[in-house]
Amino acid sequence: MKAFTKDEMALLQKFSTDGLINSETQRFRVDPNMCYVPKDVRASDPAFWNPKKPAVKATTTPQPPR
């Protein structure tokens, strides 16, 4: 936007006030545990695509009272 001329900035301002009906922003993230990517993509960054999974502690389920 710094490179806009005054005329271009005025045109953008006019569009924003007169022509724009709705604006929406969506943010996504890439989760290596939920993505299915080809082997060559996984090989490009193994630390990201093949994270070490945390050890799962074994828990006992409480017994109901008798």
Protein backbone atom coordinates (compact mmCIF):
# COMPACT_ATOMS: atom_id res chain seq x y z
CA MET A 1 0.00 0.00 0.00
CA LYS A 2 2.97 2.29 0.48
CA ALA A 3 3.54 2.20 -3.28
CA PHE A 4 0.02 3.46 -4.13
CA THR A 5 -0.36 6.86 -5.69
CA LYS A 6 -2.90 9.31 -4.22
CA ASP A 7 -5.33 8.44 -7.03
CA GLU A 8 -4.97 4.70 -6.42
CA MET A 9 -5.44 5.19 -2.68
CA ALA A 10 -8.58 7.26 -3.29
CA LEU A 11 -9.93 4.54 -5.61
CA LEU A 12 -9.29 1.87 -2.97
CA GLN A 13 -10.93 4.03 -0.32
CA LYS A 14 -13.99 4.50 -2.57
CA PHE A 15 -14.22 0.75 -3.16
CA SER A 16 -13.95 0.05 0.58
CA THR A 17 -16.79 2.42 1.43
CA ASP A 18 -19.07 1.95 -1.60
CA GLY A 19 -18.39 -1.43 -3.15
CA LEU A 20 -17.29 -3.81 -0.43
CA ILE A 21 -20.18 -5.75 1.08
CA ASN A 22 -18.41 -8.29 3.26
CA SER A 23 -14.87 -9.16 4.29
CA GLU A 24 -13.85 -12.33 6.08
CA THR A 25 -10.57 -13.66 7.41
CA GLN A 26 -9.91 -17.37 7.88
CA ARG A 27 -6.85 -18.79 9.56
CA PHE A 28 -5.70 -22.34 9.07
CA ARG A 29 -2.82 -24.34 10.45
CA VAL A 30 -1.02 -27.36 9.11
CA ASP A 31 -1.04 -30.20 11.61
CA PRO A 32 1.41 -32.98 10.72
CA ASN A 33 -0.71 -35.50 12.61
CA MET A 34 -3.76 -34.73 10.48
CA CYS A 35 -2.16 -34.27 7.04
CA TYR A 36 -1.50 -36.91 4.45
CA VAL A 37 1.43 -35.73 2.36
CA PRO A 38 3.70 -37.55 -0.10
CA LYS A 39 6.91 -39.14 1.13
CA ASP A 40 9.09 -36.51 -0.58
CA VAL A 41 7.28 -33.75 1.34
CA ARG A 42 7.75 -35.62 4.63
CA ALA A 43 11.43 -36.11 3.75
CA SER A 44 11.90 -32.38 3.16
CA ASP A 45 11.35 -31.62 6.89
CA PRO A 46 11.30 -34.80 8.99
CA ALA A 47 11.30 -32.94 12.32
CA PHE A 48 7.99 -31.27 11.42
CA TRP A 49 6.24 -34.05 9.51
CA ASN A 50 7.29 -36.90 11.82
CA PRO A 51 7.10 -35.44 15.33
CA LYS A 52 7.87 -37.67 18.26
CA LYS A 53 4.65 -38.55 19.97
CA PRO A 54 4.59 -38.08 23.74
CA ALA A 55 4.50 -41.23 25.80
CA VAL A 56 1.02 -42.06 26.99
CA LYS A 57 0.73 -42.97 30.64
CA ALA A 58 -1.26 -46.03 31.48
CA THR A 59 -4.11 -45.12 33.78
CA THR A 60 -6.32 -47.35 35.81
CA THR A 61 -10.02 -46.86 35.73
CA PRO A 62 -11.58 -46.42 39.16
CA GLN A 63 -13.76 -49.27 40.30
CA PRO A 64 -17.36 -48.41 41.22
CA PRO A 65 -18.23 -48.78 44.91
CA ARG A 66 -19.84 -52.08 45.93
